[in-house]
């Protein structure tokens, strides 16, 4: 009985236990890192693409505003929806073009601005 206890205690010495625990911790950490790293890279790339898109849109809006001679052309451009989002509610109602089409277009202009953003 004593010989079995001595053999087990030498096998489970503190050095061996520490090495096993460190090895298991290393494997778990490596597995987590291999799963998280691509997700982090994707999130960084997504933010870069969003920033590039924003900068391109701002550049196009500036070009439209500088090249357009009348305000009506801006109101009826495809960029008006982007501009309208940044207007105060009274400005949006004052400057928004009337509804051109039937159906949702008419309903969209009848709703208050804050409901328009959420519904359409």
PDB file of N, CA and C in Angstrom:
ATOM      1  N   UNK A   1       0.824  -1.185   0.000  1.00  0.00           N
ATOM      2  CA  UNK A   1       0.000   0.000   0.000  1.00  0.00           C
ATOM      3  C   UNK A   1       0.871   1.253   0.000  1.00  0.00           C
ATOM      4  N   UNK A   2       1.923   1.245   0.786  1.00  0.00           N
ATOM      5  CA  UNK A   2       2.800   2.405   0.840  1.00  0.00           C
ATOM      6  C   UNK A   2       3.523   2.613  -0.470  1.00  0.00           C
ATOM      7  N   UNK A   3       3.878   1.547  -1.123  1.00  0.00           N
ATOM      8  CA  UNK A   3       4.597   1.675  -2.394  1.00  0.00           C
ATOM      9  C   UNK A   3       3.705   2.298  -3.457  1.00  0.00           C
ATOM     10  N   UNK A   4       2.407   2.000  -3.461  1.00  0.00           N
ATOM     11  CA  UNK A   4       1.475   2.610  -4.410  1.00  0.00           C
ATOM     12  C   UNK A   4       1.347   4.105  -4.164  1.00  0.00           C
ATOM     13  N   UNK A   5       1.270   4.508  -2.930  1.00  0.00           N
ATOM     14  CA  UNK A   5       1.165   5.922  -2.583  1.00  0.00           C
ATOM     15  C   UNK A   5       2.418   6.658  -3.011  1.00  0.00           C
ATOM     16  N   UNK A   6       3.566   6.064  -2.813  1.00  0.00           N
ATOM     17  CA  UNK A   6       4.821   6.698  -3.195  1.00  0.00           C
ATOM     18  C   UNK A   6       4.891   6.844  -4.709  1.00  0.00           C
ATOM     19  N   UNK A   7       4.479   5.833  -5.484  1.00  0.00           N
ATOM     20  CA  UNK A   7       4.527   5.899  -6.943  1.00  0.00           C
ATOM     21  C   UNK A   7       3.572   6.970  -7.471  1.00  0.00           C
ATOM     22  N   UNK A   8       2.357   7.048  -6.961  1.00  0.00           N
ATOM     23  CA  UNK A   8       1.379   8.035  -7.400  1.00  0.00           C
ATOM     24  C   UNK A   8       1.848   9.440  -7.035  1.00  0.00           C
ATOM     25  N   UNK A   9       2.380   9.626  -5.850  1.00  0.00           N
ATOM     26  CA  UNK A   9       2.799  10.956  -5.434  1.00  0.00           C
ATOM     27  C   UNK A   9       3.998  11.434  -6.244  1.00  0.00           C
ATOM     28  N   UNK A  10       4.885  10.557  -6.687  1.00  0.00           N
ATOM     29  CA  UNK A  10       6.000  10.988  -7.532  1.00  0.00           C
ATOM     30  C   UNK A  10       5.514  11.293  -8.933  1.00  0.00           C
ATOM     31  N   UNK A  11       4.519  10.574  -9.389  1.00  0.00           N
ATOM     32  CA  UNK A  11       3.965  10.845 -10.721  1.00  0.00           C
ATOM     33  C   UNK A  11       3.223  12.182 -10.756  1.00  0.00           C
ATOM     34  N   UNK A  12       2.515  12.530  -9.699  1.00  0.00           N
ATOM     35  CA  UNK A  12       1.765  13.770  -9.610  1.00  0.00           C
ATOM     36  C   UNK A  12       2.531  14.821  -8.826  1.00  0.00           C
ATOM     37  N   UNK A  13       3.774  14.953  -9.107  1.00  0.00           N
ATOM     38  CA  UNK A  13       4.563  15.972  -8.428  1.00  0.00           C
ATOM     39  C   UNK A  13       4.088  17.350  -8.874  1.00  0.00           C
ATOM     40  N   UNK A  14       4.341  18.380  -8.123  1.00  0.00           N
ATOM     41  CA  UNK A  14       3.891  19.731  -8.474  1.00  0.00           C
ATOM     42  C   UNK A  14       4.387  20.184  -9.843  1.00  0.00           C
ATOM     43  N   UNK A  15       5.551  19.770 -10.237  1.00  0.00           N
ATOM     44  CA  UNK A  15       6.096  20.145 -11.545  1.00  0.00           C
ATOM     45  C   UNK A  15       5.281  19.535 -12.677  1.00  0.00           C
ATOM     46  N   UNK A  16       4.925  18.259 -12.520  1.00  0.00           N
ATOM     47  CA  UNK A  16       4.130  17.586 -13.549  1.00  0.00           C
ATOM     48  C   UNK A  16       2.738  18.193 -13.623  1.00  0.00           C
ATOM     49  N   UNK A  17       2.124  18.439 -12.499  1.00  0.00           N
ATOM     50  CA  UNK A  17       0.784  19.026 -12.469  1.00  0.00           C
ATOM     51  C   UNK A  17       0.806  20.413 -13.113  1.00  0.00           C
ATOM     52  N   UNK A  18       1.794  21.208 -12.787  1.00  0.00           N
ATOM     53  CA  UNK A  18       1.893  22.545 -13.374  1.00  0.00           C
ATOM     54  C   UNK A  18       2.070  22.467 -14.882  1.00  0.00           C
ATOM     55  N   UNK A  19       2.874  21.526 -15.349  1.00  0.00           N
ATOM     56  CA  UNK A  19       3.103  21.378 -16.790  1.00  0.00           C
ATOM     57  C   UNK A  19       1.821  20.958 -17.504  1.00  0.00           C
ATOM     58  N   UNK A  20       1.068  20.058 -16.925  1.00  0.00           N
ATOM     59  CA  UNK A  20      -0.197  19.602 -17.530  1.00  0.00           C
ATOM     60  C   UNK A  20      -1.213  20.748 -17.571  1.00  0.00           C
ATOM     61  N   UNK A  21      -1.329  21.481 -16.473  1.00  0.00           N
ATOM     62  CA  UNK A  21      -2.278  22.597 -16.423  1.00  0.00           C
ATOM     63  C   UNK A  21      -1.893  23.665 -17.439  1.00  0.00           C
ATOM     64  N   UNK A  22      -0.604  23.990 -17.525  1.00  0.00           N
ATOM     65  CA  UNK A  22      -0.154  24.993 -18.498  1.00  0.00           C
ATOM     66  C   UNK A  22      -0.384  24.524 -19.928  1.00  0.00           C
ATOM     67  N   UNK A  23      -0.180  23.258 -20.181  1.00  0.00           N
ATOM     68  CA  UNK A  23      -0.418  22.723 -21.524  1.00  0.00           C
ATOM     69  C   UNK A  23      -1.882  22.807 -21.917  1.00  0.00           C
ATOM     70  N   UNK A  24      -2.757  22.429 -21.014  1.00  0.00           N
ATOM     71  CA  UNK A  24      -4.200  22.502 -21.289  1.00  0.00           C
ATOM     72  C   UNK A  24      -4.635  23.954 -21.457  1.00  0.00           C
ATOM     73  N   UNK A  25      -4.122  24.841 -20.609  1.00  0.00           N
ATOM     74  CA  UNK A  25      -4.464  26.260 -20.732  1.00  0.00           C
ATOM     75  C   UNK A  25      -3.979  26.821 -22.065  1.00  0.00           C
ATOM     76  N   UNK A  26      -2.811  26.412 -22.513  1.00  0.00           N
ATOM     77  CA  UNK A  26      -2.284  26.864 -23.810  1.00  0.00           C
ATOM     78  C   UNK A  26      -3.146  26.403 -24.967  1.00  0.00           C
ATOM     79  N   UNK A  27      -3.594  25.174 -24.918  1.00  0.00           N
ATOM     80  CA  UNK A  27      -4.457  24.642 -25.987  1.00  0.00           C
ATOM     81  C   UNK A  27      -5.786  25.391 -26.020  1.00  0.00           C
ATOM     82  N   UNK A  28      -6.384  25.612 -24.869  1.00  0.00           N
ATOM     83  CA  UNK A  28      -7.665  26.329 -24.805  1.00  0.00           C
ATOM     84  C   UNK A  28      -7.496  27.765 -25.292  1.00  0.00           C
ATOM     85  N   UNK A  29      -6.440  28.435 -24.847  1.00  0.00           N
ATOM     86  CA  UNK A  29      -6.196  29.815 -25.283  1.00  0.00           C
ATOM     87  C   UNK A  29      -5.976  29.890 -26.782  1.00  0.00           C
ATOM     88  N   UNK A  30      -5.218  28.953 -27.329  1.00  0.00           N
ATOM     89  CA  UNK A  30      -4.987  28.928 -28.777  1.00  0.00           C
ATOM     90  C   UNK A  30      -6.267  28.701 -29.565  1.00  0.00           C
ATOM     91  N   UNK A  31      -7.128  27.833 -29.063  1.00  0.00           N
ATOM     92  CA  UNK A  31      -8.403  27.569 -29.746  1.00  0.00           C
ATOM     93  C   UNK A  31      -9.285  28.811 -29.729  1.00  0.00           C
ATOM     94  N   UNK A  32      -9.337  29.482 -28.593  1.00  0.00           N
ATOM     95  CA  UNK A  32     -10.155  30.701 -28.506  1.00  0.00           C
ATOM     96  C   UNK A  32      -9.607  31.778 -29.433  1.00  0.00           C
ATOM     97  N   UNK A  33      -8.287  31.947 -29.437  1.00  0.00           N
ATOM     98  CA  UNK A  33      -7.667  32.966 -30.293  1.00  0.00           C
ATOM     99  C   UNK A  33      -7.910  32.673 -31.773  1.00  0.00           C
ATOM    100  N   UNK A  34      -7.877  31.399 -32.149  1.00  0.00           N
ATOM    101  CA  UNK A  34      -8.104  31.066 -33.558  1.00  0.00           C
ATOM    102  C   UNK A  34      -9.544  31.322 -33.979  1.00  0.00           C
ATOM    103  N   UNK A  35     -10.457  31.335 -33.041  1.00  0.00           N
ATOM    104  CA  UNK A  35     -11.849  31.645 -33.357  1.00  0.00           C
ATOM    105  C   UNK A  35     -12.126  33.146 -33.320  1.00  0.00           C
ATOM    106  N   UNK A  36     -11.462  33.868 -32.426  1.00  0.00           N
ATOM    107  CA  UNK A  36     -11.731  35.290 -32.249  1.00  0.00           C
ATOM    108  C   UNK A  36     -10.995  36.155 -33.272  1.00  0.00           C
ATOM    109  N   UNK A  37      -9.783  35.793 -33.641  1.00  0.00           N
ATOM    110  CA  UNK A  37      -8.963  36.628 -34.533  1.00  0.00           C
ATOM    111  C   UNK A  37      -9.649  36.920 -35.875  1.00  0.00           C
ATOM    112  N   UNK A  38     -10.217  35.942 -36.569  1.00  0.00           N
ATOM    113  CA  UNK A  38     -10.898  36.278 -37.834  1.00  0.00           C
ATOM    114  C   UNK A  38     -12.096  37.215 -37.635  1.00  0.00           C
ATOM    115  N   UNK A  39     -12.802  37.052 -36.548  1.00  0.00           N
ATOM    116  CA  UNK A  39     -13.948  37.921 -36.266  1.00  0.00           C
ATOM    117  C   UNK A  39     -13.483  39.352 -36.053  1.00  0.00           C
ATOM    118  N   UNK A  40     -12.388  39.538 -35.342  1.00  0.00           N
ATOM    119  CA  UNK A  40     -11.851  40.878 -35.111  1.00  0.00           C
ATOM    120  C   UNK A  40     -11.404  41.490 -36.435  1.00  0.00           C
ATOM    121  N   UNK A  41     -10.724  40.728 -37.268  1.00  0.00           N
ATOM    122  CA  UNK A  41     -10.287  41.226 -38.574  1.00  0.00           C
ATOM    123  C   UNK A  41     -11.491  41.623 -39.429  1.00  0.00           C
ATOM    124  N   UNK A  42     -12.556  40.826 -39.394  1.00  0.00           N
ATOM    125  CA  UNK A  42     -13.760  41.140 -40.156  1.00  0.00           C
ATOM    126  C   UNK A  42     -14.374  42.451 -39.667  1.00  0.00           C
ATOM    127  N   UNK A  43     -14.417  42.641 -38.341  1.00  0.00           N
ATOM    128  CA  UNK A  43     -15.001  43.871 -37.787  1.00  0.00           C
ATOM    129  C   UNK A  43     -14.184  45.094 -38.199  1.00  0.00           C
ATOM    130  N   UNK A  44     -12.868  44.974 -38.200  1.00  0.00           N
ATOM    131  CA  UNK A  44     -12.008  46.086 -38.619  1.00  0.00           C
ATOM    132  C   UNK A  44     -12.235  46.397 -40.091  1.00  0.00           C
ATOM    133  N   UNK A  45     -12.280  45.370 -40.932  1.00  0.00           N
ATOM    134  CA  UNK A  45     -12.499  45.576 -42.368  1.00  0.00           C
ATOM    135  C   UNK A  45     -13.870  46.184 -42.637  1.00  0.00           C
ATOM    136  N   UNK A  46     -14.877  45.755 -41.881  1.00  0.00           N
ATOM    137  CA  UNK A  46     -16.228  46.303 -42.044  1.00  0.00           C
ATOM    138  C   UNK A  46     -16.240  47.798 -41.740  1.00  0.00           C
ATOM    139  N   UNK A  47     -15.575  48.203 -40.661  1.00  0.00           N
ATOM    140  CA  UNK A  47     -15.517  49.634 -40.320  1.00  0.00           C
ATOM    141  C   UNK A  47     -14.781  50.434 -41.381  1.00  0.00           C
ATOM    142  N   UNK A  48     -13.713  49.869 -41.932  1.00  0.00           N
ATOM    143  CA  UNK A  48     -12.971  50.557 -42.997  1.00  0.00           C
ATOM    144  C   UNK A  48     -13.859  50.756 -44.229  1.00  0.00           C
ATOM    145  N   UNK A  49     -14.609  49.718 -44.594  1.00  0.00           N
ATOM    146  CA  UNK A  49     -15.499  49.828 -45.759  1.00  0.00           C
ATOM    147  C   UNK A  49     -16.608  50.840 -45.518  1.00  0.00           C
ATOM    148  N   UNK A  50     -17.172  50.861 -44.304  1.00  0.00           N
ATOM    149  CA  UNK A  50     -18.215  51.847 -43.980  1.00  0.00           C
ATOM    150  C   UNK A  50     -17.666  53.261 -44.054  1.00  0.00           C
ATOM    151  N   UNK A  51     -16.454  53.466 -43.548  1.00  0.00           N
ATOM    152  CA  UNK A  51     -15.835  54.785 -43.587  1.00  0.00           C
ATOM    153  C   UNK A  51     -15.569  55.206 -45.030  1.00  0.00           C
ATOM    154  N   UNK A  52     -15.061  54.287 -45.842  1.00  0.00           N
ATOM    155  CA  UNK A  52     -14.817  54.594 -47.256  1.00  0.00           C
ATOM    156  C   UNK A  52     -16.110  54.964 -47.965  1.00  0.00           C
ATOM    157  N   UNK A  53     -17.180  54.217 -47.683  1.00  0.00           N
ATOM    158  CA  UNK A  53     -18.480  54.511 -48.306  1.00  0.00           C
ATOM    159  C   UNK A  53     -18.978  55.891 -47.878  1.00  0.00           C
ATOM    160  N   UNK A  54     -18.846  56.210 -46.584  1.00  0.00           N
ATOM    161  CA  UNK A  54     -19.264  57.525 -46.089  1.00  0.00           C
ATOM    162  C   UNK A  54     -18.489  58.650 -46.760  1.00  0.00           C
ATOM    163  N   UNK A  55     -17.180  58.474 -46.861  1.00  0.00           N
ATOM    164  CA  UNK A  55     -16.348  59.508 -47.479  1.00  0.00           C
ATOM    165  C   UNK A  55     -16.704  59.693 -48.956  1.00  0.00           C
ATOM    166  N   UNK A  56     -16.957  58.595 -49.658  1.00  0.00           N
ATOM    167  CA  UNK A  56     -17.360  58.693 -51.069  1.00  0.00           C
ATOM    168  C   UNK A  56     -18.712  59.392 -51.212  1.00  0.00           C
ATOM    169  N   UNK A  57     -19.638  59.076 -50.316  1.00  0.00           N
ATOM    170  CA  UNK A  57     -20.954  59.707 -50.359  1.00  0.00           C
ATOM    171  C   UNK A  57     -20.846  61.202 -50.091  1.00  0.00           C
ATOM    172  N   UNK A  58     -20.053  61.578 -49.102  1.00  0.00           N
ATOM    173  CA  UNK A  58     -19.864  63.003 -48.799  1.00  0.00           C
ATOM    174  C   UNK A  58     -19.234  63.710 -49.984  1.00  0.00           C
ATOM    175  N   UNK A  59     -18.271  63.070 -50.614  1.00  0.00           N
ATOM    176  CA  UNK A  59     -17.629  63.658 -51.796  1.00  0.00           C
ATOM    177  C   UNK A  59     -18.641  63.876 -52.921  1.00  0.00           C
ATOM    178  N   UNK A  60     -19.499  62.891 -53.141  1.00  0.00           N
ATOM    179  CA  UNK A  60     -20.532  63.013 -54.179  1.00  0.00           C
ATOM    180  C   UNK A  60     -21.538  64.113 -53.841  1.00  0.00           C
ATOM    181  N   UNK A  61     -21.925  64.200 -52.577  1.00  0.00           N
ATOM    182  CA  UNK A  61     -22.863  65.255 -52.164  1.00  0.00           C
ATOM    183  C   UNK A  61     -22.252  66.640 -52.348  1.00  0.00           C
ATOM    184  N   UNK A  62     -20.996  66.781 -51.994  1.00  0.00           N
ATOM    185  CA  UNK A  62     -20.327  68.078 -52.183  1.00  0.00           C
ATOM    186  C   UNK A  62     -20.249  68.446 -53.658  1.00  0.00           C
ATOM    187  N   UNK A  63     -19.944  67.431 -54.480  1.00  0.00           N
ATOM    188  CA  UNK A  63     -19.891  67.673 -55.923  1.00  0.00           C
ATOM    189  C   UNK A  63     -21.263  68.088 -56.449  1.00  0.00           C
ATOM    190  N   UNK A  64     -22.314  67.403 -56.009  1.00  0.00           N
ATOM    191  CA  UNK A  64     -23.676  67.731 -56.436  1.00  0.00           C
ATOM    192  C   UNK A  64     -24.033  69.163 -56.042  1.00  0.00           C
ATOM    193  N   UNK A  65     -23.742  69.524 -54.804  1.00  0.00           N
ATOM    194  CA  UNK A  65     -24.091  70.861 -54.331  1.00  0.00           C
ATOM    195  C   UNK A  65     -23.295  71.938 -55.055  1.00  0.00           C
ATOM    196  N   UNK A  66     -22.017  71.682 -55.324  1.00  0.00           N
ATOM    197  CA  UNK A  66     -21.203  72.713 -55.983  1.00  0.00           C
ATOM    198  C   UNK A  66     -21.535  72.850 -57.467  1.00  0.00           C
ATOM    199  N   UNK A  67     -21.962  71.771 -58.116  1.00  0.00           N
ATOM    200  CA  UNK A  67     -22.242  71.821 -59.552  1.00  0.00           C
ATOM    201  C   UNK A  67     -23.686  72.172 -59.882  1.00  0.00           C
ATOM    202  N   UNK A  68     -24.586  72.079 -58.906  1.00  0.00           N
ATOM    203  CA  UNK A  68     -25.999  72.334 -59.162  1.00  0.00           C
ATOM    204  C   UNK A  68     -26.283  73.827 -59.023  1.00  0.00           C
ATOM    205  N   UNK A  69     -27.063  74.317 -59.962  1.00  0.00           N
ATOM    206  CA  UNK A  69     -27.351  75.755 -59.956  1.00  0.00           C
ATOM    207  C   UNK A  69     -28.642  76.100 -59.223  1.00  0.00           C
ATOM    208  N   UNK A  70     -29.557  75.147 -59.097  1.00  0.00           N
ATOM    209  CA  UNK A  70     -30.799  75.451 -58.395  1.00  0.00           C
ATOM    210  C   UNK A  70     -31.083  74.382 -57.337  1.00  0.00           C
ATOM    211  N   UNK A  71     -31.794  74.802 -56.320  1.00  0.00           N
ATOM    212  CA  UNK A  71     -32.097  73.947 -55.189  1.00  0.00           C
ATOM    213  C   UNK A  71     -33.041  72.810 -55.579  1.00  0.00           C
ATOM    214  N   UNK A  72     -33.885  73.039 -56.555  1.00  0.00           N
ATOM    215  CA  UNK A  72     -34.858  72.022 -56.984  1.00  0.00           C
ATOM    216  C   UNK A  72     -34.143  70.765 -57.486  1.00  0.00           C
ATOM    217  N   UNK A  73     -33.027  70.929 -58.168  1.00  0.00           N
ATOM    218  CA  UNK A  73     -32.281  69.766 -58.667  1.00  0.00           C
ATOM    219  C   UNK A  73     -31.780  68.913 -57.510  1.00  0.00           C
ATOM    220  N   UNK A  74     -31.385  69.551 -56.445  1.00  0.00           N
ATOM    221  CA  UNK A  74     -30.915  68.809 -55.275  1.00  0.00           C
ATOM    222  C   UNK A  74     -32.077  68.074 -54.621  1.00  0.00           C
ATOM    223  N   UNK A  75     -33.236  68.744 -54.502  1.00  0.00           N
ATOM    224  CA  UNK A  75     -34.403  68.115 -53.875  1.00  0.00           C
ATOM    225  C   UNK A  75     -34.858  66.875 -54.624  1.00  0.00           C
ATOM    226  N   UNK A  76     -34.744  66.883 -55.932  1.00  0.00           N
ATOM    227  CA  UNK A  76     -35.222  65.744 -56.722  1.00  0.00           C
ATOM    228  C   UNK A  76     -34.106  64.761 -57.068  1.00  0.00           C
ATOM    229  N   UNK A  77     -32.917  64.933 -56.486  1.00  0.00           N
ATOM    230  CA  UNK A  77     -31.816  64.000 -56.752  1.00  0.00           C
ATOM    231  C   UNK A  77     -31.966  62.753 -55.875  1.00  0.00           C
ATOM    232  N   UNK A  78     -31.219  61.739 -56.214  1.00  0.00           N
ATOM    233  CA  UNK A  78     -31.261  60.506 -55.427  1.00  0.00           C
ATOM    234  C   UNK A  78     -30.619  60.680 -54.055  1.00  0.00           C
ATOM    235  N   UNK A  79     -29.880  61.746 -53.851  1.00  0.00           N
ATOM    236  CA  UNK A  79     -29.220  61.994 -52.574  1.00  0.00           C
ATOM    237  C   UNK A  79     -30.105  62.746 -51.581  1.00  0.00           C
ATOM    238  N   UNK A  80     -31.274  63.190 -51.993  1.00  0.00           N
ATOM    239  CA  UNK A  80     -32.105  63.983 -51.101  1.00  0.00           C
ATOM    240  C   UNK A  80     -32.452  63.229 -49.821  1.00  0.00           C
ATOM    241  N   UNK A  81     -32.687  61.935 -49.917  1.00  0.00           N
ATOM    242  CA  UNK A  81     -33.009  61.141 -48.725  1.00  0.00           C
ATOM    243  C   UNK A  81     -31.897  61.198 -47.689  1.00  0.00           C
ATOM    244  N   UNK A  82     -30.657  61.191 -48.153  1.00  0.00           N
ATOM    245  CA  UNK A  82     -29.527  61.295 -47.227  1.00  0.00           C
ATOM    246  C   UNK A  82     -29.456  62.681 -46.590  1.00  0.00           C
ATOM    247  N   UNK A  83     -29.709  63.697 -47.391  1.00  0.00           N
ATOM    248  CA  UNK A  83     -29.667  65.067 -46.875  1.00  0.00           C
ATOM    249  C   UNK A  83     -30.804  65.288 -45.888  1.00  0.00           C
ATOM    250  N   UNK A  84     -31.980  64.787 -46.227  1.00  0.00           N
ATOM    251  CA  UNK A  84     -33.175  65.002 -45.409  1.00  0.00           C
ATOM    252  C   UNK A  84     -33.034  64.408 -44.007  1.00  0.00           C
ATOM    253  N   UNK A  85     -32.294  63.332 -43.877  1.00  0.00           N
ATOM    254  CA  UNK A  85     -32.102  62.706 -42.571  1.00  0.00           C
ATOM    255  C   UNK A  85     -31.412  63.636 -41.575  1.00  0.00           C
ATOM    256  N   UNK A  86     -30.648  64.586 -42.081  1.00  0.00           N
ATOM    257  CA  UNK A  86     -29.882  65.471 -41.202  1.00  0.00           C
ATOM    258  C   UNK A  86     -30.541  66.832 -41.001  1.00  0.00           C
ATOM    259  N   UNK A  87     -31.737  66.999 -41.527  1.00  0.00           N
ATOM    260  CA  UNK A  87     -32.453  68.254 -41.360  1.00  0.00           C
ATOM    261  C   UNK A  87     -33.312  68.205 -40.107  1.00  0.00           C
ATOM    262  N   UNK A  88     -33.576  69.365 -39.553  1.00  0.00           N
ATOM    263  CA  UNK A  88     -34.546  69.455 -38.463  1.00  0.00           C
ATOM    264  C   UNK A  88     -35.925  69.123 -39.039  1.00  0.00           C
ATOM    265  N   UNK A  89     -36.867  68.784 -38.180  1.00  0.00           N
ATOM    266  CA  UNK A  89     -38.192  68.379 -38.668  1.00  0.00           C
ATOM    267  C   UNK A  89     -38.860  69.492 -39.470  1.00  0.00           C
ATOM    268  N   UNK A  90     -38.787  70.739 -38.991  1.00  0.00           N
ATOM    269  CA  UNK A  90     -39.429  71.843 -39.714  1.00  0.00           C
ATOM    270  C   UNK A  90     -38.733  72.080 -41.057  1.00  0.00           C
ATOM    271  N   UNK A  91     -37.417  71.869 -41.122  1.00  0.00           N
ATOM    272  CA  UNK A  91     -36.705  72.032 -42.393  1.00  0.00           C
ATOM    273  C   UNK A  91     -37.109  70.944 -43.384  1.00  0.00           C
ATOM    274  N   UNK A  92     -37.252  69.741 -42.872  1.00  0.00           N
ATOM    275  CA  UNK A  92     -37.641  68.635 -43.757  1.00  0.00           C
ATOM    276  C   UNK A  92     -39.029  68.870 -44.340  1.00  0.00           C
ATOM    277  N   UNK A  93     -39.972  69.349 -43.520  1.00  0.00           N
ATOM    278  CA  UNK A  93     -41.322  69.618 -44.029  1.00  0.00           C
ATOM    279  C   UNK A  93     -41.327  70.811 -44.979  1.00  0.00           C
ATOM    280  N   UNK A  94     -40.476  71.786 -44.733  1.00  0.00           N
ATOM    281  CA  UNK A  94     -40.422  72.974 -45.587  1.00  0.00           C
ATOM    282  C   UNK A  94     -39.799  72.674 -46.941  1.00  0.00           C
ATOM    283  N   UNK A  95     -38.726  71.916 -46.931  1.00  0.00           N
ATOM    284  CA  UNK A  95     -37.950  71.719 -48.165  1.00  0.00           C
ATOM    285  C   UNK A  95     -38.240  70.421 -48.903  1.00  0.00           C
ATOM    286  N   UNK A  96     -38.937  69.469 -48.290  1.00  0.00           N
ATOM    287  CA  UNK A  96     -39.180  68.185 -48.951  1.00  0.00           C
ATOM    288  C   UNK A  96     -40.024  68.368 -50.202  1.00  0.00           C
ATOM    289  N   UNK A  97     -39.659  67.663 -51.272  1.00  0.00           N
ATOM    290  CA  UNK A  97     -40.471  67.729 -52.480  1.00  0.00           C
ATOM    291  C   UNK A  97     -41.802  67.021 -52.251  1.00  0.00           C
ATOM    292  N   UNK A  98     -42.837  67.401 -52.986  1.00  0.00           N
ATOM    293  CA  UNK A  98     -44.125  66.712 -52.829  1.00  0.00           C
ATOM    294  C   UNK A  98     -44.019  65.281 -53.339  1.00  0.00           C
ATOM    295  N   UNK A  99     -44.966  64.458 -52.903  1.00  0.00           N
ATOM    296  CA  UNK A  99     -44.966  63.065 -53.339  1.00  0.00           C
ATOM    297  C   UNK A  99     -45.188  62.992 -54.842  1.00  0.00           C
ATOM    298  N   UNK A 100     -44.379  62.198 -55.515  1.00  0.00           N
ATOM    299  CA  UNK A 100     -44.470  62.076 -56.965  1.00  0.00           C
ATOM    300  C   UNK A 100     -45.282  60.845 -57.349  1.00  0.00           C
ATOM    301  N   UNK A 101     -45.062  59.755 -56.622  1.00  0.00           N
ATOM    302  CA  UNK A 101     -45.708  58.502 -57.001  1.00  0.00           C
ATOM    303  C   UNK A 101     -46.880  58.206 -56.072  1.00  0.00           C
ATOM    304  N   UNK A 102     -47.622  57.195 -56.422  1.00  0.00           N
ATOM    305  CA  UNK A 102     -48.740  56.787 -55.575  1.00  0.00           C
ATOM    306  C   UNK A 102     -48.262  55.729 -54.593  1.00  0.00           C
ATOM    307  N   UNK A 103     -49.117  55.360 -53.662  1.00  0.00           N
ATOM    308  CA  UNK A 103     -48.790  54.286 -52.729  1.00  0.00           C
ATOM    309  C   UNK A 103     -47.905  54.767 -51.594  1.00  0.00           C
ATOM    310  N   UNK A 104     -46.803  54.085 -51.394  1.00  0.00           N
ATOM    311  CA  UNK A 104     -45.927  54.365 -50.257  1.00  0.00           C
ATOM    312  C   UNK A 104     -45.348  55.763 -50.334  1.00  0.00           C
ATOM    313  N   UNK A 105     -45.064  56.281 -51.517  1.00  0.00           N
ATOM    314  CA  UNK A 105     -44.495  57.620 -51.650  1.00  0.00           C
ATOM    315  C   UNK A 105     -45.384  58.667 -50.997  1.00  0.00           C
ATOM    316  N   UNK A 106     -46.681  58.582 -51.234  1.00  0.00           N
ATOM    317  CA  UNK A 106     -47.614  59.535 -50.634  1.00  0.00           C
ATOM    318  C   UNK A 106     -47.671  59.314 -49.136  1.00  0.00           C
ATOM    319  N   UNK A 107     -47.729  58.060 -48.708  1.00  0.00           N
ATOM    320  CA  UNK A 107     -47.790  57.770 -47.280  1.00  0.00           C
ATOM    321  C   UNK A 107     -46.519  58.236 -46.576  1.00  0.00           C
ATOM    322  N   UNK A 108     -45.386  58.088 -47.231  1.00  0.00           N
ATOM    323  CA  UNK A 108     -44.123  58.484 -46.597  1.00  0.00           C
ATOM    324  C   UNK A 108     -44.108  59.982 -46.320  1.00  0.00           C
ATOM    325  N   UNK A 109     -44.626  60.796 -47.225  1.00  0.00           N
ATOM    326  CA  UNK A 109     -44.615  62.239 -47.007  1.00  0.00           C
ATOM    327  C   UNK A 109     -45.694  62.686 -46.033  1.00  0.00           C
ATOM    328  N   UNK A 110     -46.688  61.844 -45.758  1.00  0.00           N
ATOM    329  CA  UNK A 110     -47.742  62.210 -44.825  1.00  0.00           C
ATOM    330  C   UNK A 110     -47.333  61.918 -43.383  1.00  0.00           C
ATOM    331  N   UNK A 111     -46.365  61.016 -43.180  1.00  0.00           N
ATOM    332  CA  UNK A 111     -45.942  60.679 -41.837  1.00  0.00           C
ATOM    333  C   UNK A 111     -44.973  61.729 -41.305  1.00  0.00           C
ATOM    334  N   UNK A 112     -44.937  61.920 -39.988  1.00  0.00           N
ATOM    335  CA  UNK A 112     -43.914  62.802 -39.417  1.00  0.00           C
ATOM    336  C   UNK A 112     -42.526  62.242 -39.720  1.00  0.00           C
ATOM    337  N   UNK A 113     -41.521  63.095 -39.720  1.00  0.00           N
ATOM    338  CA  UNK A 113     -40.173  62.700 -40.125  1.00  0.00           C
ATOM    339  C   UNK A 113     -39.616  61.569 -39.277  1.00  0.00           C
ATOM    340  N   UNK A 114     -39.822  61.606 -37.963  1.00  0.00           N
ATOM    341  CA  UNK A 114     -39.255  60.552 -37.120  1.00  0.00           C
ATOM    342  C   UNK A 114     -39.878  59.190 -37.425  1.00  0.00           C
ATOM    343  N   UNK A 115     -41.152  59.125 -37.801  1.00  0.00           N
ATOM    344  CA  UNK A 115     -41.778  57.857 -38.166  1.00  0.00           C
ATOM    345  C   UNK A 115     -41.331  57.416 -39.556  1.00  0.00           C
ATOM    346  N   UNK A 116     -41.053  58.355 -40.450  1.00  0.00           N
ATOM    347  CA  UNK A 116     -40.583  58.029 -41.794  1.00  0.00           C
ATOM    348  C   UNK A 116     -39.277  57.258 -41.724  1.00  0.00           C
ATOM    349  N   UNK A 117     -38.363  57.691 -40.877  1.00  0.00           N
ATOM    350  CA  UNK A 117     -37.060  57.027 -40.777  1.00  0.00           C
ATOM    351  C   UNK A 117     -37.205  55.611 -40.274  1.00  0.00           C
ATOM    352  N   UNK A 118     -38.139  55.386 -39.341  1.00  0.00           N
ATOM    353  CA  UNK A 118     -38.261  54.069 -38.733  1.00  0.00           C
ATOM    354  C   UNK A 118     -39.039  53.095 -39.604  1.00  0.00           C
ATOM    355  N   UNK A 119     -39.973  53.565 -40.381  1.00  0.00           N
ATOM    356  CA  UNK A 119     -40.847  52.652 -41.122  1.00  0.00           C
ATOM    357  C   UNK A 119     -40.343  52.319 -42.522  1.00  0.00           C
ATOM    358  N   UNK A 120     -39.648  53.240 -43.147  1.00  0.00           N
ATOM    359  CA  UNK A 120     -39.288  53.007 -44.552  1.00  0.00           C
ATOM    360  C   UNK A 120     -37.802  52.975 -44.720  1.00  0.00           C
TER     361      UNK A 120
END
